[in-house]
Amino acid sequence: MKFKLRAYPQFSACGLNCGLCPRYYTNGPSRCPGCAGEGFTESHCGCGILSCCERHGVEYCFLCEEYPCSKYDGVDLTDSFISHKNQFKDMDKAKQMGMDAYKAELDKKIQILERLLEHYDDGRRKSFFCTAVNLLELEDVRVVMAQIAEEIEADAPLKEKAKGAARLFEEMAGLREVSLKLRK
């Protein structure tokens, strides 16, 4: 099925932060362009949520008068490549603050994630960093980034930098009682 291209594929119709998903940062054929982004139908042959949104004339499920509908039964109990834990919370946040403000906040998280992947990913931390930035609040992520800048030597070996950055994110997650493990 062909879907209308979305102007902002980094936030899905169903409330996932696609711009914080490891598959969004994968090179090669398994790369996901985000929700109905360029090339979406080549890797996603169908999506009941997108079809439903198009039928109802809404860009995001939370804008539908039937939200949350039965399509969401149990959706937040398991994860895929990206955590679904904050799916409802993020949609509520987008609805409350408005999409422009939510996009601005998500864009800041995406910029931070891209910096982490460029300077602290030792080839084994992409999913971890994606999950941490996705599940922690922006201010907490900023605090961790400031700690990283203070505590981790810029010229340290990459493996050491990755381990230190992961430790700082784990510590913040512990303070916030947030698990950074995907639920399979």
Protein backbone atom coordinates (compact mmCIF):
# COMPACT_ATOMS: atom_id res chain seq x y z
CA MET A 1 0.00 0.00 0.00
CA LYS A 2 1.23 3.49 -0.82
CA PHE A 3 0.97 6.06 1.96
CA LYS A 4 1.04 9.81 1.70
CA LEU A 5 4.56 11.02 2.58
CA ARG A 6 4.63 12.62 5.99
CA ALA A 7 6.32 15.98 6.44
CA TYR A 8 7.80 14.88 9.79
CA PRO A 9 8.49 11.12 9.71
CA GLN A 10 10.58 11.33 12.91
CA PHE A 11 7.37 11.09 15.01
CA SER A 12 5.01 8.34 13.94
CA ALA A 13 1.25 8.45 13.61
CA CYS A 14 1.10 5.97 16.51
CA GLY A 15 3.37 7.99 18.81
CA LEU A 16 6.78 6.38 18.38
CA ASN A 17 9.82 8.63 18.18
CA CYS A 18 11.15 7.21 14.90
CA GLY A 19 13.99 9.72 14.90
CA LEU A 20 15.32 7.98 18.04
CA CYS A 21 15.14 4.43 16.64
CA PRO A 22 18.29 2.44 15.78
CA ARG A 23 16.84 1.49 12.39
CA TYR A 24 16.58 5.17 11.51
CA TYR A 25 20.39 5.31 11.83
CA THR A 26 21.15 2.05 10.04
CA ASN A 27 23.00 2.16 6.75
CA GLY A 28 21.81 -0.28 4.12
CA PRO A 29 18.57 -1.98 3.15
CA SER A 30 17.21 -2.39 6.69
CA ARG A 31 17.26 1.38 7.28
CA CYS A 32 13.84 2.77 8.16
CA PRO A 33 13.05 6.29 6.92
CA GLY A 34 10.61 6.93 9.75
CA CYS A 35 6.82 6.90 9.62
CA ALA A 36 5.81 7.22 5.95
CA GLY A 37 9.12 8.83 5.09
CA GLU A 38 10.73 8.57 1.66
CA GLY A 39 11.03 4.83 0.83
CA PHE A 40 8.77 3.69 3.70
CA THR A 41 6.65 1.34 1.60
CA GLU A 42 9.73 -0.55 0.38
CA SER A 43 10.46 -1.75 3.92
CA HIS A 44 6.93 -1.65 5.40
CA CYS A 45 4.38 -3.26 3.13
CA GLY A 46 1.48 -2.14 5.27
CA CYS A 47 0.58 -0.25 8.40
CA GLY A 48 -2.92 -0.45 9.86
CA ILE A 49 -2.35 2.67 11.94
CA LEU A 50 -1.36 4.82 8.96
CA SER A 51 -4.27 3.46 6.92
CA CYS A 52 -6.63 4.26 9.77
CA CYS A 53 -5.24 7.78 10.19
CA GLU A 54 -5.65 8.44 6.47
CA ARG A 55 -9.24 7.15 6.57
CA HIS A 56 -10.03 9.42 9.53
CA GLY A 57 -8.19 12.39 8.02
CA VAL A 58 -5.76 12.84 10.91
CA GLU A 59 -1.99 12.91 10.93
CA TYR A 60 -1.62 11.43 14.43
CA CYS A 61 -3.84 8.98 16.27
CA PHE A 62 -4.23 11.28 19.26
CA LEU A 63 -6.09 13.72 16.99
CA CYS A 64 -8.79 11.12 16.30
CA GLU A 65 -11.96 11.23 18.38
CA GLU A 66 -11.78 7.42 18.72
CA TYR A 67 -8.28 7.48 20.27
CA PRO A 68 -7.22 5.31 21.98
CA CYS A 69 -8.96 2.57 20.04
CA SER A 70 -8.59 -1.20 20.13
CA LYS A 71 -5.53 -0.99 17.82
CA TYR A 72 -3.62 0.03 20.95
CA ASP A 73 -4.59 -2.91 23.13
CA GLY A 74 -1.33 -4.19 24.62
CA VAL A 75 0.87 -2.05 22.36
CA ASP A 76 2.93 -0.73 25.26
CA LEU A 77 3.72 -4.17 26.73
CA THR A 78 6.55 -5.12 24.36
CA ASP A 79 9.13 -3.30 22.28
CA SER A 80 10.44 -3.64 18.75
CA PHE A 81 13.63 -1.89 17.65
CA ILE A 82 12.39 1.08 19.65
CA SER A 83 10.80 1.23 23.07
CA HIS A 84 7.03 1.52 23.18
CA LYS A 85 7.04 2.39 26.91
CA ASN A 86 6.43 6.12 26.39
CA GLN A 87 4.18 5.83 23.33
CA PHE A 88 1.01 7.06 25.10
CA LYS A 89 2.93 9.54 27.24
CA ASP A 90 4.60 11.04 24.16
CA MET A 91 1.30 11.34 22.28
CA ASP A 92 -0.28 13.02 25.32
CA LYS A 93 2.71 15.35 25.53
CA ALA A 94 2.47 16.22 21.81
CA LYS A 95 -1.25 16.88 22.16
CA GLN A 96 -0.79 19.03 25.26
CA MET A 97 2.18 21.11 24.11
CA GLY A 98 1.29 21.18 20.41
CA MET A 99 3.11 19.46 17.57
CA ASP A 100 5.46 22.35 16.79
CA ALA A 101 6.77 22.41 20.36
CA TYR A 102 6.95 18.60 20.50
CA LYS A 103 8.86 18.49 17.20
CA ALA A 104 11.29 21.10 18.52
CA GLU A 105 11.93 19.01 21.64
CA LEU A 106 12.27 15.80 19.63
CA ASP A 107 14.67 17.53 17.22
CA LYS A 108 16.88 18.50 20.18
CA LYS A 109 16.91 14.88 21.35
CA ILE A 110 17.74 13.74 17.80
CA GLN A 111 20.70 16.16 17.66
CA ILE A 112 22.00 14.85 20.96
CA LEU A 113 21.59 11.25 19.83
CA GLU A 114 23.46 11.96 16.60
CA ARG A 115 26.32 13.45 18.64
CA LEU A 116 26.37 10.37 20.89
CA LEU A 117 26.42 8.02 17.90
CA GLU A 118 29.20 9.99 16.24
CA HIS A 119 31.50 10.32 19.26
CA TYR A 120 30.56 7.60 21.78
CA ASP A 121 29.24 4.58 19.86
CA ASP A 122 31.84 1.82 19.86
CA GLY A 123 29.73 -0.28 17.50
CA ARG A 124 27.77 -1.83 20.36
CA ARG A 125 25.87 1.11 21.91
CA LYS A 126 23.52 2.40 19.20
CA SER A 127 20.40 0.69 20.58
CA PHE A 128 21.32 1.64 24.13
CA PHE A 129 21.83 5.32 23.30
CA CYS A 130 18.61 5.39 21.23
CA THR A 131 16.66 3.90 24.12
CA ALA A 132 18.22 6.18 26.74
CA VAL A 133 17.58 9.38 24.79
CA ASN A 134 14.06 8.21 23.97
CA LEU A 135 13.00 7.27 27.50
CA LEU A 136 14.69 9.99 29.54
CA GLU A 137 13.35 13.54 29.61
CA LEU A 138 15.27 16.09 27.53
CA GLU A 139 16.57 17.92 30.60
CA ASP A 140 17.95 14.66 32.05
CA VAL A 141 19.64 13.88 28.71
CA ARG A 142 21.19 17.35 28.74
CA VAL A 143 22.47 16.81 32.28
CA VAL A 144 24.09 13.53 31.23
CA MET A 145 25.68 15.19 28.19
CA ALA A 146 27.16 17.87 30.47
CA GLN A 147 28.51 15.12 32.76
CA ILE A 148 30.00 13.36 29.74
CA ALA A 149 31.75 16.58 28.68
CA GLU A 150 33.15 17.05 32.20
CA GLU A 151 34.09 13.48 33.08
CA ILE A 152 35.14 11.79 29.85
CA GLU A 153 38.34 12.75 28.11
CA ALA A 154 37.69 13.69 24.47
CA ASP A 155 40.82 11.85 23.33
CA ALA A 156 40.16 8.70 25.39
CA PRO A 157 39.83 5.42 23.46
CA LEU A 158 36.37 5.03 21.93
CA LYS A 159 35.59 1.91 23.95
CA GLU A 160 36.34 3.79 27.18
CA LYS A 161 34.26 6.80 26.11
CA ALA A 162 31.33 4.53 25.18
CA LYS A 163 31.48 2.70 28.49
CA GLY A 164 31.64 5.96 30.47
CA ALA A 165 28.74 7.54 28.58
CA ALA A 166 26.62 4.41 29.04
CA ARG A 167 27.40 4.38 32.77
CA LEU A 168 26.25 8.00 33.14
CA PHE A 169 22.99 7.29 31.31
CA GLU A 170 22.41 4.22 33.50
CA GLU A 171 22.97 6.32 36.61
CA MET A 172 20.44 8.93 35.48
CA ALA A 173 17.95 6.22 34.54
CA GLY A 174 18.41 4.72 38.01
CA LEU A 175 17.66 8.07 39.62
CA ARG A 176 14.48 8.36 37.53
CA GLU A 177 13.54 4.68 38.01
CA VAL A 178 13.59 4.14 34.22
CA SER A 179 14.68 0.81 32.76
CA LEU A 180 16.80 1.21 29.64
CA LYS A 181 16.25 -2.39 28.54
CA LEU A 182 14.00 -3.22 25.58
CA ARG A 183 11.18 -5.66 26.41
CA LYS A 184 11.06 -8.48 23.89
